[in-house]
């Protein structure tokens, strides 16, 4: 596409993005949406309202309360 002259995408909002940026953004959004859907399905199957999404030993003191 870039060889034929398409280098940017113009959005209705007036914002313009390079084609590489727009493509990456679309892919990352799709991956996030699929991951979220799979997580929701697993939560439903396990009959749980909560899921651990991140944990590490060196959490900030302000995060330790909810991280555990």
PDB file of N, CA and C in Angstrom:
ATOM      1  N   UNK A   1       0.820  -1.193   0.000  1.00  0.00           N
ATOM      2  CA  UNK A   1       0.000   0.000   0.000  1.00  0.00           C
ATOM      3  C   UNK A   1       0.866   1.260   0.000  1.00  0.00           C
ATOM      4  N   UNK A   2       1.960   1.228   0.737  1.00  0.00           N
ATOM      5  CA  UNK A   2       2.792   2.430   0.783  1.00  0.00           C
ATOM      6  C   UNK A   2       3.494   2.681  -0.547  1.00  0.00           C
ATOM      7  N   UNK A   3       3.747   1.637  -1.324  1.00  0.00           N
ATOM      8  CA  UNK A   3       4.361   1.826  -2.639  1.00  0.00           C
ATOM      9  C   UNK A   3       3.421   2.543  -3.593  1.00  0.00           C
ATOM     10  N   UNK A   4       2.121   2.376  -3.390  1.00  0.00           N
ATOM     11  CA  UNK A   4       1.152   3.013  -4.277  1.00  0.00           C
ATOM     12  C   UNK A   4       0.758   4.404  -3.788  1.00  0.00           C
ATOM     13  N   UNK A   5       1.335   4.835  -2.697  1.00  0.00           N
ATOM     14  CA  UNK A   5       1.080   6.190  -2.245  1.00  0.00           C
ATOM     15  C   UNK A   5       0.274   6.308  -0.967  1.00  0.00           C
ATOM     16  N   UNK A   6      -0.316   5.226  -0.472  1.00  0.00           N
ATOM     17  CA  UNK A   6      -1.092   5.284   0.763  1.00  0.00           C
ATOM     18  C   UNK A   6      -0.126   5.226   1.939  1.00  0.00           C
ATOM     19  N   UNK A   7       0.054   6.359   2.598  1.00  0.00           N
ATOM     20  CA  UNK A   7       1.008   6.427   3.702  1.00  0.00           C
ATOM     21  C   UNK A   7       0.351   6.785   5.024  1.00  0.00           C
ATOM     22  N   UNK A   8      -0.826   7.388   4.960  1.00  0.00           N
ATOM     23  CA  UNK A   8      -1.526   7.776   6.182  1.00  0.00           C
ATOM     24  C   UNK A   8      -3.005   7.435   6.074  1.00  0.00           C
ATOM     25  N   UNK A   9      -3.643   7.391   7.237  1.00  0.00           N
ATOM     26  CA  UNK A   9      -5.089   7.206   7.311  1.00  0.00           C
ATOM     27  C   UNK A   9      -5.649   8.427   8.014  1.00  0.00           C
ATOM     28  N   UNK A  10      -6.645   9.043   7.396  1.00  0.00           N
ATOM     29  CA  UNK A  10      -7.307  10.203   7.979  1.00  0.00           C
ATOM     30  C   UNK A  10      -8.630   9.753   8.574  1.00  0.00           C
ATOM     31  N   UNK A  11      -8.831  10.062   9.846  1.00  0.00           N
ATOM     32  CA  UNK A  11     -10.051   9.677  10.549  1.00  0.00           C
ATOM     33  C   UNK A  11     -11.058  10.818  10.518  1.00  0.00           C
ATOM     34  N   UNK A  12     -12.321  10.490  10.715  1.00  0.00           N
ATOM     35  CA  UNK A  12     -13.392  11.491  10.727  1.00  0.00           C
ATOM     36  C   UNK A  12     -13.166  12.532  11.817  1.00  0.00           C
ATOM     37  N   UNK A  13     -12.465  12.147  12.867  1.00  0.00           N
ATOM     38  CA  UNK A  13     -12.191  13.063  13.980  1.00  0.00           C
ATOM     39  C   UNK A  13     -11.193  14.155  13.600  1.00  0.00           C
ATOM     40  N   UNK A  14     -10.539  13.977  12.438  1.00  0.00           N
ATOM     41  CA  UNK A  14      -9.522  14.927  12.021  1.00  0.00           C
ATOM     42  C   UNK A  14      -8.113  14.439  12.313  1.00  0.00           C
ATOM     43  N   UNK A  15      -8.007  13.366  13.054  1.00  0.00           N
ATOM     44  CA  UNK A  15      -6.703  12.803  13.401  1.00  0.00           C
ATOM     45  C   UNK A  15      -6.139  12.032  12.202  1.00  0.00           C
ATOM     46  N   UNK A  16      -4.827  12.065  12.038  1.00  0.00           N
ATOM     47  CA  UNK A  16      -4.146  11.343  10.967  1.00  0.00           C
ATOM     48  C   UNK A  16      -3.093  10.432  11.582  1.00  0.00           C
ATOM     49  N   UNK A  17      -3.004   9.195  11.086  1.00  0.00           N
ATOM     50  CA  UNK A  17      -1.993   8.250  11.563  1.00  0.00           C
ATOM     51  C   UNK A  17      -1.272   7.641  10.374  1.00  0.00           C
ATOM     52  N   UNK A  18       0.030   7.369  10.569  1.00  0.00           N
ATOM     53  CA  UNK A  18       0.763   6.619   9.548  1.00  0.00           C
ATOM     54  C   UNK A  18       0.136   5.234   9.434  1.00  0.00           C
ATOM     55  N   UNK A  19       0.207   4.634   8.277  1.00  0.00           N
ATOM     56  CA  UNK A  19      -0.429   3.339   8.025  1.00  0.00           C
ATOM     57  C   UNK A  19       0.079   2.276   8.996  1.00  0.00           C
ATOM     58  N   UNK A  20       1.381   2.295   9.318  1.00  0.00           N
ATOM     59  CA  UNK A  20       1.947   1.308  10.240  1.00  0.00           C
ATOM     60  C   UNK A  20       1.349   1.465  11.631  1.00  0.00           C
ATOM     61  N   UNK A  21       1.165   2.699  12.051  1.00  0.00           N
ATOM     62  CA  UNK A  21       0.599   2.981  13.372  1.00  0.00           C
ATOM     63  C   UNK A  21      -0.861   2.540  13.427  1.00  0.00           C
ATOM     64  N   UNK A  22      -1.615   2.866  12.398  1.00  0.00           N
ATOM     65  CA  UNK A  22      -3.030   2.497  12.353  1.00  0.00           C
ATOM     66  C   UNK A  22      -3.201   0.976  12.326  1.00  0.00           C
ATOM     67  N   UNK A  23      -2.358   0.286  11.563  1.00  0.00           N
ATOM     68  CA  UNK A  23      -2.440  -1.174  11.488  1.00  0.00           C
ATOM     69  C   UNK A  23      -2.094  -1.801  12.837  1.00  0.00           C
ATOM     70  N   UNK A  24      -1.029  -1.326  13.472  1.00  0.00           N
ATOM     71  CA  UNK A  24      -0.645  -1.863  14.786  1.00  0.00           C
ATOM     72  C   UNK A  24      -1.749  -1.620  15.801  1.00  0.00           C
ATOM     73  N   UNK A  25      -2.318  -0.424  15.785  1.00  0.00           N
ATOM     74  CA  UNK A  25      -3.388  -0.099  16.726  1.00  0.00           C
ATOM     75  C   UNK A  25      -4.585  -1.034  16.523  1.00  0.00           C
ATOM     76  N   UNK A  26      -4.948  -1.280  15.284  1.00  0.00           N
ATOM     77  CA  UNK A  26      -6.078  -2.167  14.991  1.00  0.00           C
ATOM     78  C   UNK A  26      -5.795  -3.591  15.460  1.00  0.00           C
ATOM     79  N   UNK A  27      -4.581  -4.074  15.237  1.00  0.00           N
ATOM     80  CA  UNK A  27      -4.212  -5.428  15.660  1.00  0.00           C
ATOM     81  C   UNK A  27      -4.202  -5.533  17.182  1.00  0.00           C
ATOM     82  N   UNK A  28      -3.609  -4.561  17.855  1.00  0.00           N
ATOM     83  CA  UNK A  28      -3.552  -4.586  19.318  1.00  0.00           C
ATOM     84  C   UNK A  28      -4.953  -4.525  19.927  1.00  0.00           C
ATOM     85  N   UNK A  29      -5.831  -3.726  19.340  1.00  0.00           N
ATOM     86  CA  UNK A  29      -7.211  -3.644  19.818  1.00  0.00           C
ATOM     87  C   UNK A  29      -7.909  -4.983  19.655  1.00  0.00           C
ATOM     88  N   UNK A  30      -7.739  -5.618  18.505  1.00  0.00           N
ATOM     89  CA  UNK A  30      -8.374  -6.915  18.256  1.00  0.00           C
ATOM     90  C   UNK A  30      -7.858  -7.979  19.224  1.00  0.00           C
ATOM     91  N   UNK A  31      -6.557  -8.013  19.459  1.00  0.00           N
ATOM     92  CA  UNK A  31      -5.975  -8.987  20.392  1.00  0.00           C
ATOM     93  C   UNK A  31      -6.529  -8.765  21.795  1.00  0.00           C
ATOM     94  N   UNK A  32      -6.603  -7.519  22.223  1.00  0.00           N
ATOM     95  CA  UNK A  32      -7.146  -7.204  23.547  1.00  0.00           C
ATOM     96  C   UNK A  32      -8.599  -7.637  23.658  1.00  0.00           C
ATOM     97  N   UNK A  33      -9.394  -7.389  22.630  1.00  0.00           N
ATOM     98  CA  UNK A  33     -10.805  -7.769  22.655  1.00  0.00           C
ATOM     99  C   UNK A  33     -10.978  -9.284  22.724  1.00  0.00           C
ATOM    100  N   UNK A  34     -10.181 -10.031  21.971  1.00  0.00           N
ATOM    101  CA  UNK A  34     -10.262 -11.495  22.002  1.00  0.00           C
ATOM    102  C   UNK A  34      -9.827 -12.020  23.367  1.00  0.00           C
ATOM    103  N   UNK A  35      -8.735 -11.483  23.892  1.00  0.00           N
ATOM    104  CA  UNK A  35      -8.249 -11.905  25.207  1.00  0.00           C
ATOM    105  C   UNK A  35      -9.290 -11.639  26.286  1.00  0.00           C
ATOM    106  N   UNK A  36      -9.915 -10.485  26.236  1.00  0.00           N
ATOM    107  CA  UNK A  36     -10.955 -10.140  27.206  1.00  0.00           C
ATOM    108  C   UNK A  36     -12.126 -11.102  27.107  1.00  0.00           C
ATOM    109  N   UNK A  37     -12.553 -11.417  25.898  1.00  0.00           N
ATOM    110  CA  UNK A  37     -13.680 -12.333  25.697  1.00  0.00           C
ATOM    111  C   UNK A  37     -13.351 -13.722  26.243  1.00  0.00           C
ATOM    112  N   UNK A  38     -12.155 -14.225  25.973  1.00  0.00           N
ATOM    113  CA  UNK A  38     -11.745 -15.540  26.475  1.00  0.00           C
ATOM    114  C   UNK A  38     -11.720 -15.534  28.002  1.00  0.00           C
ATOM    115  N   UNK A  39     -11.183 -14.474  28.600  1.00  0.00           N
ATOM    116  CA  UNK A  39     -11.147 -14.364  30.059  1.00  0.00           C
ATOM    117  C   UNK A  39     -12.556 -14.361  30.632  1.00  0.00           C
ATOM    118  N   UNK A  40     -13.465 -13.598  30.028  1.00  0.00           N
ATOM    119  CA  UNK A  40     -14.855 -13.559  30.499  1.00  0.00           C
ATOM    120  C   UNK A  40     -15.512 -14.936  30.410  1.00  0.00           C
ATOM    121  N   UNK A  41     -15.244 -15.668  29.328  1.00  0.00           N
ATOM    122  CA  UNK A  41     -15.815 -17.011  29.179  1.00  0.00           C
ATOM    123  C   UNK A  41     -15.276 -17.955  30.249  1.00  0.00           C
ATOM    124  N   UNK A  42     -13.980 -17.869  30.533  1.00  0.00           N
ATOM    125  CA  UNK A  42     -13.393 -18.714  31.576  1.00  0.00           C
ATOM    126  C   UNK A  42     -13.958 -18.363  32.946  1.00  0.00           C
ATOM    127  N   UNK A  43     -14.147 -17.075  33.211  1.00  0.00           N
ATOM    128  CA  UNK A  43     -14.716 -16.652  34.489  1.00  0.00           C
ATOM    129  C   UNK A  43     -16.133 -17.190  34.654  1.00  0.00           C
ATOM    130  N   UNK A  44     -16.885 -17.154  33.572  1.00  0.00           N
ATOM    131  CA  UNK A  44     -18.256 -17.678  33.623  1.00  0.00           C
ATOM    132  C   UNK A  44     -18.244 -19.183  33.884  1.00  0.00           C
ATOM    133  N   UNK A  45     -17.368 -19.894  33.200  1.00  0.00           N
ATOM    134  CA  UNK A  45     -17.264 -21.340  33.370  1.00  0.00           C
ATOM    135  C   UNK A  45     -16.845 -21.707  34.794  1.00  0.00           C
ATOM    136  N   UNK A  46     -15.981 -20.894  35.388  1.00  0.00           N
ATOM    137  CA  UNK A  46     -15.485 -21.151  36.742  1.00  0.00           C
ATOM    138  C   UNK A  46     -16.380 -20.546  37.828  1.00  0.00           C
ATOM    139  N   UNK A  47     -17.431 -19.853  37.420  1.00  0.00           N
ATOM    140  CA  UNK A  47     -18.361 -19.206  38.357  1.00  0.00           C
ATOM    141  C   UNK A  47     -17.627 -18.266  39.310  1.00  0.00           C
ATOM    142  N   UNK A  48     -16.813 -17.391  38.748  1.00  0.00           N
ATOM    143  CA  UNK A  48     -16.067 -16.433  39.566  1.00  0.00           C
ATOM    144  C   UNK A  48     -16.279 -15.018  39.047  1.00  0.00           C
ATOM    145  N   UNK A  49     -16.220 -14.076  39.962  1.00  0.00           N
ATOM    146  CA  UNK A  49     -16.368 -12.668  39.593  1.00  0.00           C
ATOM    147  C   UNK A  49     -15.022 -11.955  39.487  1.00  0.00           C
ATOM    148  N   UNK A  50     -13.968 -12.608  39.949  1.00  0.00           N
ATOM    149  CA  UNK A  50     -12.652 -11.971  39.983  1.00  0.00           C
ATOM    150  C   UNK A  50     -11.600 -12.877  39.348  1.00  0.00           C
ATOM    151  N   UNK A  51     -10.569 -12.253  38.815  1.00  0.00           N
ATOM    152  CA  UNK A  51      -9.467 -12.994  38.216  1.00  0.00           C
ATOM    153  C   UNK A  51      -8.177 -12.203  38.456  1.00  0.00           C
ATOM    154  N   UNK A  52      -7.108 -12.921  38.745  1.00  0.00           N
ATOM    155  CA  UNK A  52      -5.813 -12.265  38.926  1.00  0.00           C
ATOM    156  C   UNK A  52      -5.212 -12.009  37.552  1.00  0.00           C
ATOM    157  N   UNK A  53      -4.953 -10.760  37.245  1.00  0.00           N
ATOM    158  CA  UNK A  53      -4.420 -10.422  35.933  1.00  0.00           C
ATOM    159  C   UNK A  53      -2.935 -10.088  35.959  1.00  0.00           C
ATOM    160  N   UNK A  54      -2.425  -9.765  37.149  1.00  0.00           N
ATOM    161  CA  UNK A  54      -1.018  -9.414  37.244  1.00  0.00           C
ATOM    162  C   UNK A  54      -0.559  -9.576  38.687  1.00  0.00           C
ATOM    163  N   UNK A  55       0.661 -10.024  38.852  1.00  0.00           N
ATOM    164  CA  UNK A  55       1.239 -10.143  40.180  1.00  0.00           C
ATOM    165  C   UNK A  55       2.747 -10.126  40.046  1.00  0.00           C
ATOM    166  N   UNK A  56       3.394  -9.400  40.936  1.00  0.00           N
ATOM    167  CA  UNK A  56       4.851  -9.442  41.010  1.00  0.00           C
ATOM    168  C   UNK A  56       5.285  -9.088  42.414  1.00  0.00           C
ATOM    169  N   UNK A  57       6.448  -9.583  42.795  1.00  0.00           N
ATOM    170  CA  UNK A  57       6.931  -9.470  44.167  1.00  0.00           C
ATOM    171  C   UNK A  57       7.211  -8.048  44.620  1.00  0.00           C
ATOM    172  N   UNK A  58       7.605  -7.200  43.726  1.00  0.00           N
ATOM    173  CA  UNK A  58       8.047  -5.863  44.118  1.00  0.00           C
ATOM    174  C   UNK A  58       6.981  -4.803  43.864  1.00  0.00           C
ATOM    175  N   UNK A  59       5.752  -5.101  44.238  1.00  0.00           N
ATOM    176  CA  UNK A  59       4.676  -4.130  44.046  1.00  0.00           C
ATOM    177  C   UNK A  59       4.913  -2.897  44.907  1.00  0.00           C
ATOM    178  N   UNK A  60       4.488  -1.770  44.400  1.00  0.00           N
ATOM    179  CA  UNK A  60       4.572  -0.537  45.180  1.00  0.00           C
ATOM    180  C   UNK A  60       3.734  -0.680  46.439  1.00  0.00           C
ATOM    181  N   UNK A  61       4.114  -0.008  47.515  1.00  0.00           N
ATOM    182  CA  UNK A  61       3.325  -0.077  48.753  1.00  0.00           C
ATOM    183  C   UNK A  61       1.855   0.288  48.537  1.00  0.00           C
ATOM    184  N   UNK A  62       1.593   1.241  47.656  1.00  0.00           N
ATOM    185  CA  UNK A  62       0.202   1.641  47.406  1.00  0.00           C
ATOM    186  C   UNK A  62      -0.581   0.581  46.643  1.00  0.00           C
ATOM    187  N   UNK A  63       0.101  -0.349  46.010  1.00  0.00           N
ATOM    188  CA  UNK A  63      -0.562  -1.403  45.238  1.00  0.00           C
ATOM    189  C   UNK A  63      -0.671  -2.716  46.008  1.00  0.00           C
ATOM    190  N   UNK A  64       0.112  -2.859  47.071  1.00  0.00           N
ATOM    191  CA  UNK A  64       0.137  -4.118  47.810  1.00  0.00           C
ATOM    192  C   UNK A  64      -1.213  -4.467  48.419  1.00  0.00           C
ATOM    193  N   UNK A  65      -1.987  -3.464  48.781  1.00  0.00           N
ATOM    194  CA  UNK A  65      -3.288  -3.713  49.405  1.00  0.00           C
ATOM    195  C   UNK A  65      -4.179  -4.528  48.483  1.00  0.00           C
ATOM    196  N   UNK A  66      -4.286  -4.125  47.230  1.00  0.00           N
ATOM    197  CA  UNK A  66      -5.173  -4.847  46.324  1.00  0.00           C
ATOM    198  C   UNK A  66      -4.467  -5.973  45.585  1.00  0.00           C
ATOM    199  N   UNK A  67      -3.133  -5.962  45.554  1.00  0.00           N
ATOM    200  CA  UNK A  67      -2.427  -7.060  44.887  1.00  0.00           C
ATOM    201  C   UNK A  67      -2.357  -8.284  45.790  1.00  0.00           C
ATOM    202  N   UNK A  68      -2.246  -8.071  47.079  1.00  0.00           N
ATOM    203  CA  UNK A  68      -2.184  -9.200  48.004  1.00  0.00           C
ATOM    204  C   UNK A  68      -0.780  -9.573  48.385  1.00  0.00           C
TER     205      UNK A  68
END
